């Protein structure tokens, strides 16, 4: 799996659902391309325009879209798991126990170092 920072959610870029039809993809691409085109003095954004073009090129091609959808699904599943873990109170309780234990170990180590210096 590629680095999370390099991953771009093309559906979010075009502001469409993963179930969007090819017609919707084209319509939203044209909308965003006009909005972010570098020649647009009011809302032009070169980086955003490149993302829109990249999203369009991937999602309009059935083979590329199918490959992208596999990765998108996997990342969505990973994201859901992280969210579930974050809201799991048992996980927070376990983290507190681990943190308290580590702090106690560090305290004992520091106390032993002080006793050895005396």
PDB file of N, CA and C in Angstrom:
ATOM      1  N   UNK A   1       0.843  -1.177   0.000  1.00  0.00           N
ATOM      2  CA  UNK A   1       0.000   0.000   0.000  1.00  0.00           C
ATOM      3  C   UNK A   1       0.890   1.244   0.000  1.00  0.00           C
ATOM      4  N   UNK A   2       0.547   2.218  -0.799  1.00  0.00           N
ATOM      5  CA  UNK A   2       1.336   3.430  -0.883  1.00  0.00           C
ATOM      6  C   UNK A   2       1.230   4.237   0.392  1.00  0.00           C
ATOM      7  N   UNK A   3       2.133   5.171   0.533  1.00  0.00           N
ATOM      8  CA  UNK A   3       2.133   6.079   1.665  1.00  0.00           C
ATOM      9  C   UNK A   3       0.792   6.816   1.756  1.00  0.00           C
ATOM     10  N   UNK A   4       0.242   6.941   2.968  1.00  0.00           N
ATOM     11  CA  UNK A   4      -1.052   7.593   3.153  1.00  0.00           C
ATOM     12  C   UNK A   4      -1.045   9.031   2.666  1.00  0.00           C
ATOM     13  N   UNK A   5       0.086   9.698   2.752  1.00  0.00           N
ATOM     14  CA  UNK A   5       0.142  11.094   2.334  1.00  0.00           C
ATOM     15  C   UNK A   5       0.112  11.232   0.818  1.00  0.00           C
ATOM     16  N   UNK A   6       0.491  10.194   0.093  1.00  0.00           N
ATOM     17  CA  UNK A   6       0.490  10.242  -1.367  1.00  0.00           C
ATOM     18  C   UNK A   6      -0.882   9.873  -1.932  1.00  0.00           C
ATOM     19  N   UNK A   7      -1.708   9.241  -1.136  1.00  0.00           N
ATOM     20  CA  UNK A   7      -3.021   8.803  -1.603  1.00  0.00           C
ATOM     21  C   UNK A   7      -3.971   9.993  -1.703  1.00  0.00           C
ATOM     22  N   UNK A   8      -4.660  10.073  -2.829  1.00  0.00           N
ATOM     23  CA  UNK A   8      -5.661  11.116  -3.034  1.00  0.00           C
ATOM     24  C   UNK A   8      -6.981  10.422  -3.316  1.00  0.00           C
ATOM     25  N   UNK A   9      -8.018  10.805  -2.583  1.00  0.00           N
ATOM     26  CA  UNK A   9      -9.340  10.228  -2.805  1.00  0.00           C
ATOM     27  C   UNK A   9      -9.972  10.954  -3.988  1.00  0.00           C
ATOM     28  N   UNK A  10      -9.960  10.302  -5.138  1.00  0.00           N
ATOM     29  CA  UNK A  10     -10.467  10.919  -6.361  1.00  0.00           C
ATOM     30  C   UNK A  10     -11.963  11.218  -6.277  1.00  0.00           C
ATOM     31  N   UNK A  11     -12.685  10.431  -5.517  1.00  0.00           N
ATOM     32  CA  UNK A  11     -14.113  10.701  -5.366  1.00  0.00           C
ATOM     33  C   UNK A  11     -14.332  12.003  -4.595  1.00  0.00           C
ATOM     34  N   UNK A  12     -13.500  12.237  -3.597  1.00  0.00           N
ATOM     35  CA  UNK A  12     -13.594  13.503  -2.861  1.00  0.00           C
ATOM     36  C   UNK A  12     -13.159  14.673  -3.735  1.00  0.00           C
ATOM     37  N   UNK A  13     -12.120  14.472  -4.534  1.00  0.00           N
ATOM     38  CA  UNK A  13     -11.634  15.538  -5.417  1.00  0.00           C
ATOM     39  C   UNK A  13     -12.753  16.019  -6.339  1.00  0.00           C
ATOM     40  N   UNK A  14     -13.490  15.068  -6.912  1.00  0.00           N
ATOM     41  CA  UNK A  14     -14.570  15.425  -7.831  1.00  0.00           C
ATOM     42  C   UNK A  14     -15.910  15.633  -7.114  1.00  0.00           C
ATOM     43  N   UNK A  15     -15.901  15.405  -5.792  1.00  0.00           N
ATOM     44  CA  UNK A  15     -17.107  15.568  -4.977  1.00  0.00           C
ATOM     45  C   UNK A  15     -18.252  14.706  -5.505  1.00  0.00           C
ATOM     46  N   UNK A  16     -17.947  13.421  -5.673  1.00  0.00           N
ATOM     47  CA  UNK A  16     -18.939  12.466  -6.168  1.00  0.00           C
ATOM     48  C   UNK A  16     -18.919  11.217  -5.305  1.00  0.00           C
ATOM     49  N   UNK A  17     -19.956  10.422  -5.454  1.00  0.00           N
ATOM     50  CA  UNK A  17     -20.054   9.141  -4.772  1.00  0.00           C
ATOM     51  C   UNK A  17     -19.233   8.091  -5.519  1.00  0.00           C
ATOM     52  N   UNK A  18     -18.725   7.085  -4.815  1.00  0.00           N
ATOM     53  CA  UNK A  18     -18.061   5.978  -5.506  1.00  0.00           C
ATOM     54  C   UNK A  18     -19.000   5.238  -6.464  1.00  0.00           C
ATOM     55  N   UNK A  19     -20.296   5.464  -6.331  1.00  0.00           N
ATOM     56  CA  UNK A  19     -21.273   4.832  -7.222  1.00  0.00           C
ATOM     57  C   UNK A  19     -21.652   5.733  -8.392  1.00  0.00           C
ATOM     58  N   UNK A  20     -20.963   6.843  -8.566  1.00  0.00           N
ATOM     59  CA  UNK A  20     -21.312   7.817  -9.607  1.00  0.00           C
ATOM     60  C   UNK A  20     -21.237   7.214 -11.003  1.00  0.00           C
ATOM     61  N   UNK A  21     -22.154   7.634 -11.838  1.00  0.00           N
ATOM     62  CA  UNK A  21     -22.184   7.172 -13.229  1.00  0.00           C
ATOM     63  C   UNK A  21     -21.106   7.903 -14.036  1.00  0.00           C
ATOM     64  N   UNK A  22     -20.753   7.365 -15.200  1.00  0.00           N
ATOM     65  CA  UNK A  22     -19.779   8.055 -16.064  1.00  0.00           C
ATOM     66  C   UNK A  22     -20.237   9.477 -16.422  1.00  0.00           C
ATOM     67  N   UNK A  23     -21.535   9.668 -16.595  1.00  0.00           N
ATOM     68  CA  UNK A  23     -22.057  11.004 -16.925  1.00  0.00           C
ATOM     69  C   UNK A  23     -21.819  11.987 -15.773  1.00  0.00           C
ATOM     70  N   UNK A  24     -22.021  11.512 -14.549  1.00  0.00           N
ATOM     71  CA  UNK A  24     -21.785  12.360 -13.374  1.00  0.00           C
ATOM     72  C   UNK A  24     -20.307  12.700 -13.250  1.00  0.00           C
ATOM     73  N   UNK A  25     -19.460  11.732 -13.516  1.00  0.00           N
ATOM     74  CA  UNK A  25     -18.009  11.968 -13.463  1.00  0.00           C
ATOM     75  C   UNK A  25     -17.633  13.062 -14.455  1.00  0.00           C
ATOM     76  N   UNK A  26     -18.136  12.971 -15.675  1.00  0.00           N
ATOM     77  CA  UNK A  26     -17.830  13.977 -16.702  1.00  0.00           C
ATOM     78  C   UNK A  26     -18.354  15.356 -16.302  1.00  0.00           C
ATOM     79  N   UNK A  27     -19.590  15.387 -15.816  1.00  0.00           N
ATOM     80  CA  UNK A  27     -20.199  16.669 -15.445  1.00  0.00           C
ATOM     81  C   UNK A  27     -19.416  17.348 -14.317  1.00  0.00           C
ATOM     82  N   UNK A  28     -19.057  16.584 -13.303  1.00  0.00           N
ATOM     83  CA  UNK A  28     -18.321  17.166 -12.168  1.00  0.00           C
ATOM     84  C   UNK A  28     -16.883  17.512 -12.565  1.00  0.00           C
ATOM     85  N   UNK A  29     -16.305  16.714 -13.461  1.00  0.00           N
ATOM     86  CA  UNK A  29     -14.966  17.059 -13.952  1.00  0.00           C
ATOM     87  C   UNK A  29     -14.992  18.424 -14.641  1.00  0.00           C
ATOM     88  N   UNK A  30     -15.948  18.619 -15.547  1.00  0.00           N
ATOM     89  CA  UNK A  30     -16.034  19.897 -16.260  1.00  0.00           C
ATOM     90  C   UNK A  30     -16.251  21.056 -15.292  1.00  0.00           C
ATOM     91  N   UNK A  31     -17.089  20.839 -14.302  1.00  0.00           N
ATOM     92  CA  UNK A  31     -17.350  21.880 -13.300  1.00  0.00           C
ATOM     93  C   UNK A  31     -16.057  22.271 -12.566  1.00  0.00           C
ATOM     94  N   UNK A  32     -15.345  21.268 -12.059  1.00  0.00           N
ATOM     95  CA  UNK A  32     -14.124  21.537 -11.291  1.00  0.00           C
ATOM     96  C   UNK A  32     -12.980  22.017 -12.184  1.00  0.00           C
ATOM     97  N   UNK A  33     -12.921  21.509 -13.404  1.00  0.00           N
ATOM     98  CA  UNK A  33     -11.861  21.942 -14.326  1.00  0.00           C
ATOM     99  C   UNK A  33     -12.006  23.435 -14.629  1.00  0.00           C
ATOM    100  N   UNK A  34     -13.235  23.882 -14.852  1.00  0.00           N
ATOM    101  CA  UNK A  34     -13.454  25.323 -15.087  1.00  0.00           C
ATOM    102  C   UNK A  34     -13.097  26.132 -13.843  1.00  0.00           C
ATOM    103  N   UNK A  35     -13.484  25.620 -12.720  1.00  0.00           N
ATOM    104  CA  UNK A  35     -13.264  26.349 -11.464  1.00  0.00           C
ATOM    105  C   UNK A  35     -11.778  26.485 -11.121  1.00  0.00           C
ATOM    106  N   UNK A  36     -11.015  25.410 -11.278  1.00  0.00           N
ATOM    107  CA  UNK A  36      -9.617  25.409 -10.839  1.00  0.00           C
ATOM    108  C   UNK A  36      -8.603  25.605 -11.960  1.00  0.00           C
ATOM    109  N   UNK A  37      -9.061  25.781 -13.180  1.00  0.00           N
ATOM    110  CA  UNK A  37      -8.130  25.966 -14.283  1.00  0.00           C
ATOM    111  C   UNK A  37      -7.229  27.172 -13.997  1.00  0.00           C
ATOM    112  N   UNK A  38      -5.931  27.044 -14.253  1.00  0.00           N
ATOM    113  CA  UNK A  38      -4.991  28.136 -13.964  1.00  0.00           C
ATOM    114  C   UNK A  38      -5.354  29.457 -14.657  1.00  0.00           C
ATOM    115  N   UNK A  39      -6.078  29.410 -15.761  1.00  0.00           N
ATOM    116  CA  UNK A  39      -6.478  30.640 -16.445  1.00  0.00           C
ATOM    117  C   UNK A  39      -7.617  31.369 -15.737  1.00  0.00           C
ATOM    118  N   UNK A  40      -8.274  30.709 -14.802  1.00  0.00           N
ATOM    119  CA  UNK A  40      -9.362  31.338 -14.055  1.00  0.00           C
ATOM    120  C   UNK A  40      -8.749  32.244 -12.989  1.00  0.00           C
ATOM    121  N   UNK A  41      -8.848  33.548 -13.191  1.00  0.00           N
ATOM    122  CA  UNK A  41      -8.189  34.502 -12.298  1.00  0.00           C
ATOM    123  C   UNK A  41      -8.791  34.524 -10.901  1.00  0.00           C
ATOM    124  N   UNK A  42     -10.059  34.158 -10.769  1.00  0.00           N
ATOM    125  CA  UNK A  42     -10.712  34.218  -9.463  1.00  0.00           C
ATOM    126  C   UNK A  42     -10.459  32.980  -8.602  1.00  0.00           C
ATOM    127  N   UNK A  43     -10.549  31.798  -9.207  1.00  0.00           N
ATOM    128  CA  UNK A  43     -10.465  30.568  -8.405  1.00  0.00           C
ATOM    129  C   UNK A  43      -9.434  29.576  -8.930  1.00  0.00           C
ATOM    130  N   UNK A  44      -8.580  29.992  -9.863  1.00  0.00           N
ATOM    131  CA  UNK A  44      -7.584  29.090 -10.427  1.00  0.00           C
ATOM    132  C   UNK A  44      -6.622  28.571  -9.370  1.00  0.00           C
ATOM    133  N   UNK A  45      -6.294  27.300  -9.481  1.00  0.00           N
ATOM    134  CA  UNK A  45      -5.384  26.644  -8.538  1.00  0.00           C
ATOM    135  C   UNK A  45      -4.701  25.494  -9.292  1.00  0.00           C
ATOM    136  N   UNK A  46      -3.440  25.677  -9.615  1.00  0.00           N
ATOM    137  CA  UNK A  46      -2.719  24.707 -10.451  1.00  0.00           C
ATOM    138  C   UNK A  46      -2.712  23.319  -9.824  1.00  0.00           C
ATOM    139  N   UNK A  47      -2.387  23.223  -8.541  1.00  0.00           N
ATOM    140  CA  UNK A  47      -2.305  21.912  -7.883  1.00  0.00           C
ATOM    141  C   UNK A  47      -3.661  21.238  -7.849  1.00  0.00           C
ATOM    142  N   UNK A  48      -4.675  21.976  -7.507  1.00  0.00           N
ATOM    143  CA  UNK A  48      -6.033  21.417  -7.453  1.00  0.00           C
ATOM    144  C   UNK A  48      -6.484  20.981  -8.853  1.00  0.00           C
ATOM    145  N   UNK A  49      -6.155  21.772  -9.869  1.00  0.00           N
ATOM    146  CA  UNK A  49      -6.502  21.430 -11.246  1.00  0.00           C
ATOM    147  C   UNK A  49      -5.848  20.109 -11.652  1.00  0.00           C
ATOM    148  N   UNK A  50      -4.574  19.934 -11.290  1.00  0.00           N
ATOM    149  CA  UNK A  50      -3.870  18.688 -11.606  1.00  0.00           C
ATOM    150  C   UNK A  50      -4.553  17.495 -10.936  1.00  0.00           C
ATOM    151  N   UNK A  51      -5.005  17.670  -9.693  1.00  0.00           N
ATOM    152  CA  UNK A  51      -5.698  16.596  -8.985  1.00  0.00           C
ATOM    153  C   UNK A  51      -7.018  16.255  -9.684  1.00  0.00           C
ATOM    154  N   UNK A  52      -7.731  17.283 -10.140  1.00  0.00           N
ATOM    155  CA  UNK A  52      -9.006  17.075 -10.834  1.00  0.00           C
ATOM    156  C   UNK A  52      -8.785  16.294 -12.127  1.00  0.00           C
ATOM    157  N   UNK A  53      -7.762  16.669 -12.888  1.00  0.00           N
ATOM    158  CA  UNK A  53      -7.462  15.974 -14.147  1.00  0.00           C
ATOM    159  C   UNK A  53      -7.052  14.530 -13.867  1.00  0.00           C
ATOM    160  N   UNK A  54      -6.215  14.329 -12.860  1.00  0.00           N
ATOM    161  CA  UNK A  54      -5.767  12.984 -12.500  1.00  0.00           C
ATOM    162  C   UNK A  54      -6.954  12.122 -12.061  1.00  0.00           C
ATOM    163  N   UNK A  55      -7.842  12.698 -11.261  1.00  0.00           N
ATOM    164  CA  UNK A  55      -9.031  11.966 -10.814  1.00  0.00           C
ATOM    165  C   UNK A  55      -9.896  11.584 -12.012  1.00  0.00           C
ATOM    166  N   UNK A  56     -10.099  12.529 -12.898  1.00  0.00           N
ATOM    167  CA  UNK A  56     -10.922  12.280 -14.084  1.00  0.00           C
ATOM    168  C   UNK A  56     -10.310  11.192 -14.964  1.00  0.00           C
ATOM    169  N   UNK A  57      -9.015  11.286 -15.208  1.00  0.00           N
ATOM    170  CA  UNK A  57      -8.343  10.299 -16.068  1.00  0.00           C
ATOM    171  C   UNK A  57      -8.434   8.887 -15.496  1.00  0.00           C
ATOM    172  N   UNK A  58      -8.426   8.785 -14.186  1.00  0.00           N
ATOM    173  CA  UNK A  58      -8.525   7.470 -13.551  1.00  0.00           C
ATOM    174  C   UNK A  58      -9.955   6.958 -13.536  1.00  0.00           C
ATOM    175  N   UNK A  59     -10.887   7.808 -13.140  1.00  0.00           N
ATOM    176  CA  UNK A  59     -12.260   7.342 -12.954  1.00  0.00           C
ATOM    177  C   UNK A  59     -13.053   7.181 -14.246  1.00  0.00           C
ATOM    178  N   UNK A  60     -12.620   7.820 -15.319  1.00  0.00           N
ATOM    179  CA  UNK A  60     -13.362   7.673 -16.580  1.00  0.00           C
ATOM    180  C   UNK A  60     -12.991   6.391 -17.318  1.00  0.00           C
ATOM    181  N   UNK A  61     -11.831   5.830 -17.020  1.00  0.00           N
ATOM    182  CA  UNK A  61     -11.365   4.597 -17.651  1.00  0.00           C
ATOM    183  C   UNK A  61     -11.841   3.409 -16.811  1.00  0.00           C
ATOM    184  N   UNK A  62     -12.672   2.540 -17.376  1.00  0.00           N
ATOM    185  CA  UNK A  62     -13.235   1.432 -16.587  1.00  0.00           C
ATOM    186  C   UNK A  62     -12.189   0.534 -15.919  1.00  0.00           C
ATOM    187  N   UNK A  63     -11.093   0.256 -16.599  1.00  0.00           N
ATOM    188  CA  UNK A  63     -10.057  -0.612 -16.026  1.00  0.00           C
ATOM    189  C   UNK A  63      -9.340   0.102 -14.889  1.00  0.00           C
ATOM    190  N   UNK A  64      -8.913   1.344 -15.125  1.00  0.00           N
ATOM    191  CA  UNK A  64      -8.235   2.113 -14.072  1.00  0.00           C
ATOM    192  C   UNK A  64      -9.163   2.335 -12.882  1.00  0.00           C
ATOM    193  N   UNK A  65     -10.448   2.589 -13.179  1.00  0.00           N
ATOM    194  CA  UNK A  65     -11.400   2.820 -12.091  1.00  0.00           C
ATOM    195  C   UNK A  65     -11.567   1.562 -11.249  1.00  0.00           C
ATOM    196  N   UNK A  66     -11.650   0.413 -11.880  1.00  0.00           N
ATOM    197  CA  UNK A  66     -11.786  -0.850 -11.138  1.00  0.00           C
ATOM    198  C   UNK A  66     -10.577  -1.077 -10.232  1.00  0.00           C
ATOM    199  N   UNK A  67      -9.382  -0.813 -10.747  1.00  0.00           N
ATOM    200  CA  UNK A  67      -8.165  -0.958  -9.943  1.00  0.00           C
ATOM    201  C   UNK A  67      -8.169   0.046  -8.796  1.00  0.00           C
ATOM    202  N   UNK A  68      -8.551   1.275  -9.101  1.00  0.00           N
ATOM    203  CA  UNK A  68      -8.596   2.307  -8.071  1.00  0.00           C
ATOM    204  C   UNK A  68      -9.629   1.962  -6.997  1.00  0.00           C
ATOM    205  N   UNK A  69     -10.776   1.438  -7.415  1.00  0.00           N
ATOM    206  CA  UNK A  69     -11.840   1.103  -6.467  1.00  0.00           C
ATOM    207  C   UNK A  69     -11.399   0.054  -5.456  1.00  0.00           C
ATOM    208  N   UNK A  70     -10.541  -0.875  -5.860  1.00  0.00           N
ATOM    209  CA  UNK A  70     -10.016  -1.870  -4.924  1.00  0.00           C
ATOM    210  C   UNK A  70      -9.215  -1.163  -3.831  1.00  0.00           C
ATOM    211  N   UNK A  71      -8.320  -0.284  -4.233  1.00  0.00           N
ATOM    212  CA  UNK A  71      -7.517   0.455  -3.252  1.00  0.00           C
ATOM    213  C   UNK A  71      -8.397   1.360  -2.393  1.00  0.00           C
ATOM    214  N   UNK A  72      -9.345   2.030  -3.026  1.00  0.00           N
ATOM    215  CA  UNK A  72     -10.254   2.927  -2.303  1.00  0.00           C
ATOM    216  C   UNK A  72     -11.040   2.150  -1.248  1.00  0.00           C
ATOM    217  N   UNK A  73     -11.526   0.986  -1.624  1.00  0.00           N
ATOM    218  CA  UNK A  73     -12.267   0.151  -0.682  1.00  0.00           C
ATOM    219  C   UNK A  73     -11.384  -0.277   0.489  1.00  0.00           C
ATOM    220  N   UNK A  74     -10.164  -0.716   0.185  1.00  0.00           N
ATOM    221  CA  UNK A  74      -9.243  -1.144   1.245  1.00  0.00           C
ATOM    222  C   UNK A  74      -8.933  -0.001   2.201  1.00  0.00           C
ATOM    223  N   UNK A  75      -8.706   1.164   1.665  1.00  0.00           N
ATOM    224  CA  UNK A  75      -8.405   2.316   2.523  1.00  0.00           C
ATOM    225  C   UNK A  75      -9.622   2.723   3.337  1.00  0.00           C
ATOM    226  N   UNK A  76     -10.799   2.635   2.754  1.00  0.00           N
ATOM    227  CA  UNK A  76     -12.024   2.962   3.487  1.00  0.00           C
ATOM    228  C   UNK A  76     -12.226   1.988   4.634  1.00  0.00           C
ATOM    229  N   UNK A  77     -11.938   0.714   4.380  1.00  0.00           N
ATOM    230  CA  UNK A  77     -12.052  -0.304   5.422  1.00  0.00           C
ATOM    231  C   UNK A  77     -11.052  -0.032   6.533  1.00  0.00           C
ATOM    232  N   UNK A  78      -9.814   0.298   6.176  1.00  0.00           N
ATOM    233  CA  UNK A  78      -8.790   0.628   7.171  1.00  0.00           C
ATOM    234  C   UNK A  78      -9.216   1.831   8.003  1.00  0.00           C
ATOM    235  N   UNK A  79      -9.776   2.838   7.335  1.00  0.00           N
ATOM    236  CA  UNK A  79     -10.220   4.051   8.029  1.00  0.00           C
ATOM    237  C   UNK A  79     -11.333   3.716   9.022  1.00  0.00           C
ATOM    238  N   UNK A  80     -12.287   2.898   8.602  1.00  0.00           N
ATOM    239  CA  UNK A  80     -13.385   2.495   9.500  1.00  0.00           C
ATOM    240  C   UNK A  80     -12.844   1.760  10.720  1.00  0.00           C
ATOM    241  N   UNK A  81     -11.864   0.890  10.511  1.00  0.00           N
ATOM    242  CA  UNK A  81     -11.280   0.153  11.635  1.00  0.00           C
ATOM    243  C   UNK A  81     -10.608   1.101  12.613  1.00  0.00           C
ATOM    244  N   UNK A  82      -9.889   2.103  12.094  1.00  0.00           N
ATOM    245  CA  UNK A  82      -9.245   3.079  12.970  1.00  0.00           C
ATOM    246  C   UNK A  82     -10.270   3.869  13.777  1.00  0.00           C
ATOM    247  N   UNK A  83     -11.348   4.263  13.129  1.00  0.00           N
ATOM    248  CA  UNK A  83     -12.395   5.008  13.820  1.00  0.00           C
ATOM    249  C   UNK A  83     -13.021   4.146  14.907  1.00  0.00           C
ATOM    250  N   UNK A  84     -13.319   2.898  14.579  1.00  0.00           N
ATOM    251  CA  UNK A  84     -13.902   1.996  15.574  1.00  0.00           C
ATOM    252  C   UNK A  84     -12.966   1.811  16.763  1.00  0.00           C
ATOM    253  N   UNK A  85     -11.682   1.672  16.477  1.00  0.00           N
ATOM    254  CA  UNK A  85     -10.713   1.510  17.556  1.00  0.00           C
ATOM    255  C   UNK A  85     -10.620   2.777  18.406  1.00  0.00           C
ATOM    256  N   UNK A  86     -10.691   3.921  17.769  1.00  0.00           N
ATOM    257  CA  UNK A  86     -10.584   5.183  18.496  1.00  0.00           C
ATOM    258  C   UNK A  86     -11.763   5.401  19.435  1.00  0.00           C
ATOM    259  N   UNK A  87     -12.955   4.927  19.045  1.00  0.00           N
ATOM    260  CA  UNK A  87     -14.118   5.150  19.902  1.00  0.00           C
ATOM    261  C   UNK A  87     -14.371   3.975  20.855  1.00  0.00           C
ATOM    262  N   UNK A  88     -13.546   2.942  20.791  1.00  0.00           N
ATOM    263  CA  UNK A  88     -13.675   1.782  21.667  1.00  0.00           C
ATOM    264  C   UNK A  88     -13.120   2.144  23.047  1.00  0.00           C
ATOM    265  N   UNK A  89     -13.984   2.231  24.048  1.00  0.00           N
ATOM    266  CA  UNK A  89     -13.542   2.620  25.391  1.00  0.00           C
ATOM    267  C   UNK A  89     -12.619   1.580  26.005  1.00  0.00           C
ATOM    268  N   UNK A  90     -12.766   0.305  25.628  1.00  0.00           N
ATOM    269  CA  UNK A  90     -11.866  -0.733  26.146  1.00  0.00           C
ATOM    270  C   UNK A  90     -10.437  -0.477  25.679  1.00  0.00           C
ATOM    271  N   UNK A  91     -10.295  -0.012  24.438  1.00  0.00           N
ATOM    272  CA  UNK A  91      -8.969   0.302  23.915  1.00  0.00           C
ATOM    273  C   UNK A  91      -8.327   1.435  24.703  1.00  0.00           C
ATOM    274  N   UNK A  92      -9.133   2.435  25.056  1.00  0.00           N
ATOM    275  CA  UNK A  92      -8.615   3.554  25.854  1.00  0.00           C
ATOM    276  C   UNK A  92      -8.189   3.077  27.239  1.00  0.00           C
ATOM    277  N   UNK A  93      -8.982   2.173  27.831  1.00  0.00           N
ATOM    278  CA  UNK A  93      -8.627   1.633  29.149  1.00  0.00           C
ATOM    279  C   UNK A  93      -7.316   0.863  29.080  1.00  0.00           C
ATOM    280  N   UNK A  94      -7.157   0.056  28.017  1.00  0.00           N
ATOM    281  CA  UNK A  94      -5.902  -0.692  27.847  1.00  0.00           C
ATOM    282  C   UNK A  94      -4.726   0.271  27.682  1.00  0.00           C
ATOM    283  N   UNK A  95      -4.931   1.326  26.921  1.00  0.00           N
ATOM    284  CA  UNK A  95      -3.868   2.304  26.724  1.00  0.00           C
ATOM    285  C   UNK A  95      -3.476   2.955  28.046  1.00  0.00           C
ATOM    286  N   UNK A  96      -4.452   3.228  28.887  1.00  0.00           N
ATOM    287  CA  UNK A  96      -4.166   3.841  30.190  1.00  0.00           C
ATOM    288  C   UNK A  96      -3.336   2.911  31.054  1.00  0.00           C
ATOM    289  N   UNK A  97      -3.658   1.632  31.030  1.00  0.00           N
ATOM    290  CA  UNK A  97      -2.905   0.645  31.813  1.00  0.00           C
ATOM    291  C   UNK A  97      -1.469   0.567  31.301  1.00  0.00           C
ATOM    292  N   UNK A  98      -1.302   0.522  29.998  1.00  0.00           N
ATOM    293  CA  UNK A  98       0.041   0.458  29.405  1.00  0.00           C
ATOM    294  C   UNK A  98       0.826   1.716  29.758  1.00  0.00           C
ATOM    295  N   UNK A  99       0.192   2.870  29.636  1.00  0.00           N
ATOM    296  CA  UNK A  99       0.872   4.127  29.948  1.00  0.00           C
ATOM    297  C   UNK A  99       1.289   4.168  31.421  1.00  0.00           C
ATOM    298  N   UNK A 100       0.385   3.783  32.317  1.00  0.00           N
ATOM    299  CA  UNK A 100       0.686   3.792  33.753  1.00  0.00           C
ATOM    300  C   UNK A 100       1.846   2.829  34.054  1.00  0.00           C
ATOM    301  N   UNK A 101       1.841   1.659  33.433  1.00  0.00           N
ATOM    302  CA  UNK A 101       2.902   0.675  33.657  1.00  0.00           C
ATOM    303  C   UNK A 101       4.249   1.204  33.167  1.00  0.00           C
ATOM    304  N   UNK A 102       4.251   1.823  31.989  1.00  0.00           N
ATOM    305  CA  UNK A 102       5.503   2.396  31.470  1.00  0.00           C
ATOM    306  C   UNK A 102       6.027   3.505  32.376  1.00  0.00           C
ATOM    307  N   UNK A 103       5.134   4.337  32.858  1.00  0.00           N
ATOM    308  CA  UNK A 103       5.554   5.425  33.759  1.00  0.00           C
ATOM    309  C   UNK A 103       6.137   4.860  35.047  1.00  0.00           C
ATOM    310  N   UNK A 104       5.547   3.786  35.585  1.00  0.00           N
ATOM    311  CA  UNK A 104       6.064   3.161  36.796  1.00  0.00           C
ATOM    312  C   UNK A 104       7.449   2.574  36.551  1.00  0.00           C
ATOM    313  N   UNK A 105       7.626   1.936  35.385  1.00  0.00           N
ATOM    314  CA  UNK A 105       8.937   1.374  35.059  1.00  0.00           C
ATOM    315  C   UNK A 105       9.997   2.463  34.932  1.00  0.00           C
ATOM    316  N   UNK A 106       9.633   3.550  34.276  1.00  0.00           N
ATOM    317  CA  UNK A 106      10.575   4.659  34.137  1.00  0.00           C
ATOM    318  C   UNK A 106      10.910   5.273  35.498  1.00  0.00           C
ATOM    319  N   UNK A 107       9.933   5.381  36.364  1.00  0.00           N
ATOM    320  CA  UNK A 107      10.149   5.936  37.693  1.00  0.00           C
ATOM    321  C   UNK A 107      11.113   5.055  38.489  1.00  0.00           C
ATOM    322  N   UNK A 108      10.896   3.724  38.440  1.00  0.00           N
ATOM    323  CA  UNK A 108      11.773   2.796  39.158  1.00  0.00           C
ATOM    324  C   UNK A 108      13.195   2.905  38.620  1.00  0.00           C
ATOM    325  N   UNK A 109      13.345   2.993  37.291  1.00  0.00           N
ATOM    326  CA  UNK A 109      14.677   3.111  36.680  1.00  0.00           C
ATOM    327  C   UNK A 109      15.361   4.401  37.126  1.00  0.00           C
ATOM    328  N   UNK A 110      14.628   5.500  37.130  1.00  0.00           N
ATOM    329  CA  UNK A 110      15.207   6.777  37.588  1.00  0.00           C
ATOM    330  C   UNK A 110      15.602   6.699  39.054  1.00  0.00           C
ATOM    331  N   UNK A 111      14.750   6.103  39.871  1.00  0.00           N
ATOM    332  CA  UNK A 111      15.055   5.983  41.313  1.00  0.00           C
ATOM    333  C   UNK A 111      16.305   5.153  41.526  1.00  0.00           C
ATOM    334  N   UNK A 112      16.471   4.086  40.743  1.00  0.00           N
ATOM    335  CA  UNK A 112      17.667   3.240  40.872  1.00  0.00           C
ATOM    336  C   UNK A 112      18.909   4.022  40.441  1.00  0.00           C
ATOM    337  N   UNK A 113      18.796   4.822  39.386  1.00  0.00           N
ATOM    338  CA  UNK A 113      19.929   5.622  38.954  1.00  0.00           C
ATOM    339  C   UNK A 113      20.335   6.631  40.023  1.00  0.00           C
ATOM    340  N   UNK A 114      19.375   7.234  40.705  1.00  0.00           N
ATOM    341  CA  UNK A 114      19.674   8.187  41.792  1.00  0.00           C
ATOM    342  C   UNK A 114      20.332   7.474  42.931  1.00  0.00           C
ATOM    343  N   UNK A 115      19.812   6.262  43.308  1.00  0.00           N
ATOM    344  CA  UNK A 115      20.394   5.501  44.403  1.00  0.00           C
ATOM    345  C   UNK A 115      21.822   5.072  44.084  1.00  0.00           C
ATOM    346  N   UNK A 116      22.128   4.781  42.826  1.00  0.00           N
ATOM    347  CA  UNK A 116      23.475   4.347  42.446  1.00  0.00           C
ATOM    348  C   UNK A 116      24.459   5.510  42.489  1.00  0.00           C
ATOM    349  N   UNK A 117      24.001   6.735  42.331  1.00  0.00           N
ATOM    350  CA  UNK A 117      24.892   7.903  42.344  1.00  0.00           C
ATOM    351  C   UNK A 117      25.272   8.300  43.769  1.00  0.00           C
ATOM    352  N   UNK A 118      24.430   7.991  44.713  1.00  0.00           N
ATOM    353  CA  UNK A 118      24.670   8.434  46.089  1.00  0.00           C
ATOM    354  C   UNK A 118      25.791   7.703  46.766  1.00  0.00           C
TER     355      UNK A 118
END
